[in-house]
Amino acid sequence: MKKLAILLACTFVSCAYAQKACTPGEAQKAQKAVDMVMTWQQLHKAWKDWGHCDAGEVGETYTDALLRLMVDWKNVDAFAEGYKDESYRAFVKTHLQSPAAKDDIGAIRSRAKQSCPKGQDELCKQIVEATEVSKPMDFAPMAPIAPAGSPK
């Protein structure tokens, strides 16, 4: 019963955080903070402080910051530490799957596959999975189907 109460409390806190509105002033502060991100720790802190502003221009800036760090692929252990947080992991995956990330996805996938730090196999596997791009459906016209009984 105690575990259920804790789970419900965490759920309500998460929902309240997710529903927190981002004021124009907060969006400005978030934009500045995210634009200054140079390390995994700074990105994680910016997400904690301003994650509720992750939309529009601020969202684009988050994507840019994440991509810079992913392409640089340094201090991956620090990234892995923050990535343990399920909400942060969802944030990272969302930005990796953003259309704005398409030009960097190959480099990121390559780094995760070929330069995975010792002990970070699961993290690298998840990054590779998050960057897998599904093939677009082919909407090219099909060859007409000949009516039954007609010569082929």
N, C-alpha and C. Protein backbone atom coordinates (compact mmCIF):
# COMPACT_ATOMS: atom_id res chain seq x y z
N MET A 1 0.82 -1.19 0.00
CA MET A 1 0.00 0.00 0.00
C MET A 1 0.87 1.26 0.00
N LYS A 2 1.95 1.21 0.77
CA LYS A 2 2.86 2.36 0.85
C LYS A 2 3.50 2.62 -0.52
N LYS A 3 3.87 1.53 -1.22
CA LYS A 3 4.48 1.68 -2.54
C LYS A 3 3.50 2.32 -3.51
N LEU A 4 2.23 1.94 -3.42
CA LEU A 4 1.21 2.51 -4.28
C LEU A 4 1.06 4.01 -4.02
N ALA A 5 1.08 4.39 -2.76
CA ALA A 5 0.96 5.80 -2.41
C ALA A 5 2.14 6.61 -2.96
N ILE A 6 3.33 6.03 -2.86
CA ILE A 6 4.52 6.71 -3.38
C ILE A 6 4.44 6.83 -4.89
N LEU A 7 4.01 5.75 -5.55
CA LEU A 7 3.87 5.76 -7.00
C LEU A 7 2.87 6.81 -7.44
N LEU A 8 1.74 6.89 -6.77
CA LEU A 8 0.72 7.89 -7.12
C LEU A 8 1.24 9.30 -6.89
N ALA A 9 1.95 9.50 -5.80
CA ALA A 9 2.51 10.83 -5.52
C ALA A 9 3.49 11.24 -6.60
N CYS A 10 4.34 10.31 -7.01
CA CYS A 10 5.31 10.60 -8.07
C CYS A 10 4.60 10.90 -9.39
N THR A 11 3.55 10.16 -9.65
CA THR A 11 2.79 10.38 -10.89
C THR A 11 2.18 11.78 -10.89
N PHE A 12 1.59 12.18 -9.78
CA PHE A 12 0.99 13.51 -9.71
C PHE A 12 2.03 14.62 -9.83
N VAL A 13 3.18 14.42 -9.22
CA VAL A 13 4.26 15.41 -9.33
C VAL A 13 4.73 15.50 -10.78
N SER A 14 4.90 14.35 -11.44
CA SER A 14 5.34 14.34 -12.84
C SER A 14 4.32 15.04 -13.72
N CYS A 15 3.04 14.76 -13.50
CA CYS A 15 1.99 15.39 -14.30
C CYS A 15 1.96 16.89 -14.07
N ALA A 16 2.13 17.29 -12.83
CA ALA A 16 2.11 18.72 -12.53
C ALA A 16 3.29 19.42 -13.21
N TYR A 17 4.46 18.76 -13.20
CA TYR A 17 5.63 19.35 -13.84
C TYR A 17 5.42 19.43 -15.35
N ALA A 18 4.88 18.38 -15.91
CA ALA A 18 4.68 18.34 -17.36
C ALA A 18 3.64 19.38 -17.80
N GLN A 19 2.71 19.72 -16.93
CA GLN A 19 1.65 20.65 -17.28
C GLN A 19 2.00 22.09 -16.91
N LYS A 20 3.14 22.31 -16.28
CA LYS A 20 3.53 23.65 -15.90
C LYS A 20 3.71 24.49 -17.16
N ALA A 21 3.08 25.62 -17.17
CA ALA A 21 3.17 26.50 -18.34
C ALA A 21 4.50 27.24 -18.34
N CYS A 22 4.98 27.52 -19.51
CA CYS A 22 6.22 28.28 -19.68
C CYS A 22 5.83 29.72 -20.01
N THR A 23 6.15 30.61 -19.11
CA THR A 23 5.83 32.02 -19.35
C THR A 23 6.82 32.58 -20.37
N PRO A 24 6.47 33.70 -21.00
CA PRO A 24 7.42 34.31 -21.94
C PRO A 24 8.77 34.63 -21.29
N GLY A 25 8.75 35.07 -20.06
CA GLY A 25 10.00 35.36 -19.35
C GLY A 25 10.83 34.11 -19.13
N GLU A 26 10.14 33.02 -18.77
CA GLU A 26 10.85 31.75 -18.59
C GLU A 26 11.41 31.24 -19.91
N ALA A 27 10.66 31.43 -20.97
CA ALA A 27 11.13 31.00 -22.29
C ALA A 27 12.42 31.74 -22.66
N GLN A 28 12.48 33.02 -22.34
CA GLN A 28 13.71 33.80 -22.62
C GLN A 28 14.87 33.26 -21.80
N LYS A 29 14.62 33.02 -20.52
CA LYS A 29 15.68 32.49 -19.65
C LYS A 29 16.10 31.10 -20.11
N ALA A 30 15.13 30.28 -20.47
CA ALA A 30 15.43 28.93 -20.94
C ALA A 30 16.27 28.99 -22.21
N GLN A 31 15.89 29.86 -23.13
CA GLN A 31 16.62 30.01 -24.39
C GLN A 31 18.09 30.35 -24.12
N LYS A 32 18.31 31.30 -23.23
CA LYS A 32 19.69 31.69 -22.90
C LYS A 32 20.45 30.55 -22.24
N ALA A 33 19.79 29.87 -21.29
CA ALA A 33 20.45 28.78 -20.57
C ALA A 33 20.81 27.64 -21.51
N VAL A 34 19.88 27.23 -22.34
CA VAL A 34 20.12 26.10 -23.24
C VAL A 34 21.16 26.47 -24.30
N ASP A 35 21.14 27.71 -24.74
CA ASP A 35 22.09 28.16 -25.75
C ASP A 35 23.53 28.13 -25.21
N MET A 36 23.69 28.20 -23.90
CA MET A 36 25.03 28.19 -23.29
C MET A 36 25.54 26.78 -22.96
N VAL A 37 24.74 25.77 -23.21
CA VAL A 37 25.10 24.40 -22.86
C VAL A 37 26.34 23.95 -23.62
N MET A 38 27.32 23.46 -22.86
CA MET A 38 28.57 22.96 -23.46
C MET A 38 28.93 21.57 -22.94
N THR A 39 28.23 21.09 -21.91
CA THR A 39 28.53 19.79 -21.31
C THR A 39 27.23 19.02 -21.07
N TRP A 40 27.38 17.71 -20.86
CA TRP A 40 26.21 16.89 -20.55
C TRP A 40 25.56 17.33 -19.25
N GLN A 41 26.38 17.71 -18.27
CA GLN A 41 25.83 18.14 -16.99
C GLN A 41 25.00 19.41 -17.17
N GLN A 42 25.49 20.33 -18.00
CA GLN A 42 24.74 21.57 -18.25
C GLN A 42 23.43 21.29 -18.98
N LEU A 43 23.47 20.35 -19.93
CA LEU A 43 22.23 20.01 -20.64
C LEU A 43 21.21 19.41 -19.68
N HIS A 44 21.67 18.51 -18.83
CA HIS A 44 20.76 17.88 -17.87
C HIS A 44 20.18 18.92 -16.92
N LYS A 45 21.00 19.84 -16.46
CA LYS A 45 20.52 20.90 -15.56
C LYS A 45 19.53 21.81 -16.28
N ALA A 46 19.83 22.17 -17.51
CA ALA A 46 18.93 23.03 -18.28
C ALA A 46 17.59 22.33 -18.49
N TRP A 47 17.63 21.02 -18.71
CA TRP A 47 16.39 20.26 -18.86
C TRP A 47 15.61 20.25 -17.54
N LYS A 48 16.32 20.04 -16.43
CA LYS A 48 15.65 20.04 -15.12
C LYS A 48 15.02 21.40 -14.83
N ASP A 49 15.77 22.46 -15.12
CA ASP A 49 15.29 23.82 -14.81
C ASP A 49 14.23 24.31 -15.77
N TRP A 50 14.38 24.00 -17.04
CA TRP A 50 13.54 24.61 -18.07
C TRP A 50 12.84 23.61 -18.99
N GLY A 51 12.78 22.36 -18.59
CA GLY A 51 12.16 21.34 -19.43
C GLY A 51 10.71 21.64 -19.79
N HIS A 52 10.04 22.37 -18.93
CA HIS A 52 8.64 22.73 -19.22
C HIS A 52 8.53 23.75 -20.35
N CYS A 53 9.65 24.29 -20.78
CA CYS A 53 9.67 25.25 -21.89
C CYS A 53 10.15 24.60 -23.20
N ASP A 54 10.20 23.28 -23.23
CA ASP A 54 10.73 22.55 -24.37
C ASP A 54 9.72 22.53 -25.53
N ALA A 55 9.62 23.65 -26.21
CA ALA A 55 8.74 23.78 -27.37
C ALA A 55 9.22 24.96 -28.20
N GLY A 56 8.81 25.02 -29.43
CA GLY A 56 9.15 26.16 -30.29
C GLY A 56 10.64 26.39 -30.39
N GLU A 57 11.03 27.66 -30.26
CA GLU A 57 12.46 28.01 -30.38
C GLU A 57 13.31 27.37 -29.31
N VAL A 58 12.78 27.29 -28.10
CA VAL A 58 13.54 26.67 -27.01
C VAL A 58 13.75 25.19 -27.34
N GLY A 59 12.74 24.53 -27.84
CA GLY A 59 12.85 23.12 -28.23
C GLY A 59 13.91 22.94 -29.31
N GLU A 60 13.94 23.85 -30.27
CA GLU A 60 14.95 23.77 -31.33
C GLU A 60 16.35 23.95 -30.75
N THR A 61 16.47 24.83 -29.77
CA THR A 61 17.76 25.06 -29.14
C THR A 61 18.20 23.84 -28.34
N TYR A 62 17.24 23.19 -27.67
CA TYR A 62 17.55 21.93 -26.99
C TYR A 62 18.09 20.91 -28.00
N THR A 63 17.43 20.79 -29.14
CA THR A 63 17.87 19.84 -30.16
C THR A 63 19.29 20.17 -30.61
N ASP A 64 19.55 21.44 -30.88
CA ASP A 64 20.89 21.85 -31.31
C ASP A 64 21.95 21.50 -30.26
N ALA A 65 21.64 21.79 -28.99
CA ALA A 65 22.60 21.52 -27.91
C ALA A 65 22.86 20.02 -27.80
N LEU A 66 21.80 19.23 -27.84
CA LEU A 66 21.95 17.78 -27.75
C LEU A 66 22.78 17.25 -28.91
N LEU A 67 22.48 17.71 -30.10
CA LEU A 67 23.21 17.23 -31.28
C LEU A 67 24.69 17.60 -31.20
N ARG A 68 25.00 18.81 -30.75
CA ARG A 68 26.41 19.21 -30.60
C ARG A 68 27.14 18.23 -29.69
N LEU A 69 26.51 17.91 -28.56
CA LEU A 69 27.15 17.02 -27.60
C LEU A 69 27.24 15.59 -28.13
N MET A 70 26.20 15.16 -28.81
CA MET A 70 26.20 13.80 -29.36
C MET A 70 27.26 13.62 -30.45
N VAL A 71 27.36 14.60 -31.33
CA VAL A 71 28.35 14.51 -32.40
C VAL A 71 29.76 14.59 -31.82
N ASP A 72 29.95 15.42 -30.79
CA ASP A 72 31.24 15.53 -30.13
C ASP A 72 31.60 14.23 -29.41
N TRP A 73 30.60 13.58 -28.81
CA TRP A 73 30.72 12.26 -28.19
C TRP A 73 31.86 12.17 -27.19
N LYS A 74 31.92 13.16 -26.29
CA LYS A 74 32.93 13.16 -25.22
C LYS A 74 32.22 13.04 -23.88
N ASN A 75 32.94 12.50 -22.91
CA ASN A 75 32.43 12.37 -21.54
C ASN A 75 31.07 11.66 -21.52
N VAL A 76 30.98 10.59 -22.26
CA VAL A 76 29.73 9.84 -22.39
C VAL A 76 29.27 9.30 -21.04
N ASP A 77 30.21 9.05 -20.14
CA ASP A 77 29.82 8.58 -18.80
C ASP A 77 28.94 9.61 -18.09
N ALA A 78 29.22 10.88 -18.28
CA ALA A 78 28.39 11.93 -17.67
C ALA A 78 26.99 11.93 -18.30
N PHE A 79 26.95 11.71 -19.60
CA PHE A 79 25.66 11.61 -20.28
C PHE A 79 24.88 10.42 -19.74
N ALA A 80 25.55 9.29 -19.57
CA ALA A 80 24.91 8.07 -19.09
C ALA A 80 24.30 8.27 -17.71
N GLU A 81 24.94 9.07 -16.90
CA GLU A 81 24.43 9.33 -15.54
C GLU A 81 23.04 9.99 -15.61
N GLY A 82 22.90 11.01 -16.42
CA GLY A 82 21.60 11.67 -16.56
C GLY A 82 20.59 10.81 -17.28
N TYR A 83 21.08 9.97 -18.18
CA TYR A 83 20.22 9.13 -19.03
C TYR A 83 19.50 8.05 -18.23
N LYS A 84 19.91 7.84 -16.99
CA LYS A 84 19.24 6.87 -16.13
C LYS A 84 17.83 7.33 -15.79
N ASP A 85 17.61 8.64 -15.83
CA ASP A 85 16.30 9.22 -15.53
C ASP A 85 15.37 8.98 -16.72
N GLU A 86 14.29 8.28 -16.50
CA GLU A 86 13.38 7.89 -17.58
C GLU A 86 12.81 9.09 -18.33
N SER A 87 12.48 10.15 -17.62
CA SER A 87 11.93 11.35 -18.28
C SER A 87 12.99 12.02 -19.15
N TYR A 88 14.21 12.07 -18.65
CA TYR A 88 15.30 12.67 -19.41
C TYR A 88 15.60 11.82 -20.65
N ARG A 89 15.55 10.50 -20.48
CA ARG A 89 15.76 9.58 -21.61
C ARG A 89 14.72 9.84 -22.70
N ALA A 90 13.46 10.04 -22.30
CA ALA A 90 12.40 10.33 -23.28
C ALA A 90 12.68 11.66 -23.98
N PHE A 91 13.14 12.65 -23.22
CA PHE A 91 13.50 13.96 -23.77
C PHE A 91 14.59 13.80 -24.84
N VAL A 92 15.64 13.05 -24.51
CA VAL A 92 16.76 12.83 -25.43
C VAL A 92 16.27 12.13 -26.70
N LYS A 93 15.51 11.07 -26.53
CA LYS A 93 15.02 10.32 -27.69
C LYS A 93 14.13 11.18 -28.58
N THR A 94 13.29 11.98 -27.97
CA THR A 94 12.41 12.87 -28.75
C THR A 94 13.24 13.81 -29.61
N HIS A 95 14.28 14.39 -29.04
CA HIS A 95 15.10 15.33 -29.79
C HIS A 95 15.97 14.63 -30.84
N LEU A 96 16.39 13.40 -30.55
CA LEU A 96 17.16 12.65 -31.55
C LEU A 96 16.29 12.30 -32.75
N GLN A 97 14.99 12.17 -32.52
CA GLN A 97 14.07 11.80 -33.60
C GLN A 97 13.42 13.01 -34.25
N SER A 98 13.86 14.19 -33.86
CA SER A 98 13.36 15.42 -34.45
C SER A 98 13.82 15.53 -35.90
N PRO A 99 12.98 16.09 -36.77
CA PRO A 99 13.42 16.31 -38.15
C PRO A 99 14.70 17.15 -38.23
N ALA A 100 14.91 18.01 -37.27
CA ALA A 100 16.11 18.86 -37.26
C ALA A 100 17.38 18.04 -37.05
N ALA A 101 17.25 16.82 -36.56
CA ALA A 101 18.42 15.98 -36.27
C ALA A 101 18.87 15.14 -37.46
N LYS A 102 18.11 15.18 -38.55
CA LYS A 102 18.36 14.25 -39.66
C LYS A 102 19.78 14.32 -40.22
N ASP A 103 20.39 15.49 -40.25
CA ASP A 103 21.73 15.61 -40.82
C ASP A 103 22.82 15.01 -39.93
N ASP A 104 22.53 14.88 -38.63
CA ASP A 104 23.54 14.38 -37.69
C ASP A 104 23.32 12.94 -37.24
N ILE A 105 22.18 12.37 -37.59
CA ILE A 105 21.83 11.04 -37.10
C ILE A 105 22.87 9.99 -37.49
N GLY A 106 23.37 10.02 -38.70
CA GLY A 106 24.36 9.03 -39.14
C GLY A 106 25.63 9.10 -38.30
N ALA A 107 26.11 10.30 -38.03
CA ALA A 107 27.32 10.47 -37.23
C ALA A 107 27.09 10.00 -35.79
N ILE A 108 25.92 10.32 -35.26
CA ILE A 108 25.61 9.92 -33.89
C ILE A 108 25.51 8.40 -33.79
N ARG A 109 24.81 7.78 -34.72
CA ARG A 109 24.68 6.32 -34.72
C ARG A 109 26.06 5.68 -34.86
N SER A 110 26.88 6.22 -35.73
CA SER A 110 28.22 5.68 -35.94
C SER A 110 29.06 5.75 -34.66
N ARG A 111 28.99 6.86 -33.96
CA ARG A 111 29.76 7.00 -32.72
C ARG A 111 29.27 6.01 -31.66
N ALA A 112 27.96 5.88 -31.56
CA ALA A 112 27.40 4.96 -30.57
C ALA A 112 27.77 3.51 -30.89
N LYS A 113 27.86 3.18 -32.16
CA LYS A 113 28.22 1.81 -32.56
C LYS A 113 29.71 1.56 -32.45
N GLN A 114 30.52 2.50 -32.92
CA GLN A 114 31.95 2.25 -33.07
C GLN A 114 32.81 2.81 -31.95
N SER A 115 32.29 3.75 -31.17
CA SER A 115 33.11 4.36 -30.12
C SER A 115 32.40 4.31 -28.78
N CYS A 116 31.74 3.22 -28.50
CA CYS A 116 31.01 3.09 -27.25
C CYS A 116 32.01 2.88 -26.11
N PRO A 117 31.96 3.75 -25.10
CA PRO A 117 32.89 3.58 -23.98
C PRO A 117 32.64 2.28 -23.22
N LYS A 118 33.68 1.76 -22.65
CA LYS A 118 33.59 0.52 -21.87
C LYS A 118 32.53 0.68 -20.78
N GLY A 119 31.66 -0.32 -20.69
CA GLY A 119 30.62 -0.31 -19.66
C GLY A 119 29.35 0.42 -20.05
N GLN A 120 29.31 1.00 -21.25
CA GLN A 120 28.14 1.76 -21.68
C GLN A 120 27.40 1.10 -22.84
N ASP A 121 27.52 -0.22 -22.93
CA ASP A 121 26.90 -0.95 -24.04
C ASP A 121 25.39 -0.72 -24.13
N GLU A 122 24.71 -0.76 -23.00
CA GLU A 122 23.26 -0.59 -23.00
C GLU A 122 22.88 0.82 -23.45
N LEU A 123 23.59 1.81 -22.98
CA LEU A 123 23.35 3.19 -23.40
C LEU A 123 23.54 3.31 -24.91
N CYS A 124 24.63 2.82 -25.40
CA CYS A 124 24.93 2.91 -26.84
C CYS A 124 23.87 2.19 -27.66
N LYS A 125 23.45 1.03 -27.18
CA LYS A 125 22.40 0.28 -27.88
C LYS A 125 21.12 1.13 -27.96
N GLN A 126 20.77 1.78 -26.86
CA GLN A 126 19.56 2.61 -26.86
C GLN A 126 19.70 3.82 -27.78
N ILE A 127 20.88 4.39 -27.86
CA ILE A 127 21.10 5.53 -28.76
C ILE A 127 20.99 5.06 -30.21
N VAL A 128 21.56 3.92 -30.52
CA VAL A 128 21.46 3.38 -31.88
C VAL A 128 19.99 3.15 -32.22
N GLU A 129 19.25 2.54 -31.31
CA GLU A 129 17.83 2.29 -31.56
C GLU A 129 17.06 3.59 -31.75
N ALA A 130 17.38 4.60 -30.95
CA ALA A 130 16.68 5.89 -31.04
C ALA A 130 16.98 6.61 -32.35
N THR A 131 18.12 6.29 -32.95
CA THR A 131 18.50 6.98 -34.19
C THR A 131 18.18 6.18 -35.44
N GLU A 132 17.61 5.01 -35.28
CA GLU A 132 17.24 4.24 -36.46
C GLU A 132 16.10 4.94 -37.17
N VAL A 133 16.34 5.22 -38.41
CA VAL A 133 15.35 5.93 -39.21
C VAL A 133 14.58 4.91 -40.01
N SER A 134 13.27 4.91 -39.84
CA SER A 134 12.48 3.96 -40.62
C SER A 134 12.42 4.45 -42.05
N LYS A 135 12.36 3.51 -42.96
CA LYS A 135 12.30 3.86 -44.38
C LYS A 135 10.95 4.49 -44.68
N PRO A 136 10.96 5.58 -45.42
CA PRO A 136 9.68 6.17 -45.79
C PRO A 136 8.92 5.23 -46.73
N MET A 137 7.63 5.28 -46.63
CA MET A 137 6.82 4.42 -47.51
C MET A 137 6.96 4.89 -48.94
N ASP A 138 7.00 3.94 -49.83
CA ASP A 138 7.11 4.25 -51.24
C ASP A 138 5.72 4.45 -51.82
N PHE A 139 5.43 5.67 -52.21
CA PHE A 139 4.12 5.97 -52.76
C PHE A 139 4.16 6.10 -54.28
N ALA A 140 5.16 5.47 -54.90
CA ALA A 140 5.25 5.50 -56.35
C ALA A 140 4.06 4.73 -56.92
N PRO A 141 3.55 5.17 -58.05
CA PRO A 141 2.41 4.48 -58.63
C PRO A 141 2.76 3.04 -58.97
N MET A 142 1.81 2.18 -58.72
CA MET A 142 2.00 0.77 -59.04
C MET A 142 1.67 0.56 -60.51
N ALA A 143 2.26 -0.47 -61.09
CA ALA A 143 1.93 -0.82 -62.48
C ALA A 143 0.47 -1.25 -62.52
N PRO A 144 -0.24 -0.86 -63.53
CA PRO A 144 -1.65 -1.25 -63.61
C PRO A 144 -1.80 -2.76 -63.65
N ILE A 145 -2.82 -3.21 -63.04
CA ILE A 145 -3.11 -4.64 -63.02
C ILE A 145 -4.03 -4.94 -64.20
N ALA A 146 -3.61 -5.89 -65.01
CA ALA A 146 -4.41 -6.26 -66.19
C ALA A 146 -5.69 -6.96 -65.74
N PRO A 147 -6.81 -6.63 -66.38
CA PRO A 147 -8.06 -7.32 -66.04
C PRO A 147 -7.95 -8.81 -66.32
N ALA A 148 -8.71 -9.56 -65.58
CA ALA A 148 -8.71 -11.01 -65.74
C ALA A 148 -9.07 -11.38 -67.18
N GLY A 149 -8.38 -12.33 -67.73
CA GLY A 149 -8.66 -12.81 -69.07
C GLY A 149 -7.97 -12.02 -70.16
N SER A 150 -7.31 -10.93 -69.85
CA SER A 150 -6.64 -10.16 -70.90
C SER A 150 -5.23 -10.69 -71.09
N PRO A 151 -4.65 -10.54 -72.28
CA PRO A 151 -3.29 -11.03 -72.54
C PRO A 151 -2.29 -10.20 -71.73
N LYS A 152 -1.23 -10.86 -71.30
CA LYS A 152 -0.22 -10.16 -70.50
C LYS A 152 0.88 -9.61 -71.33
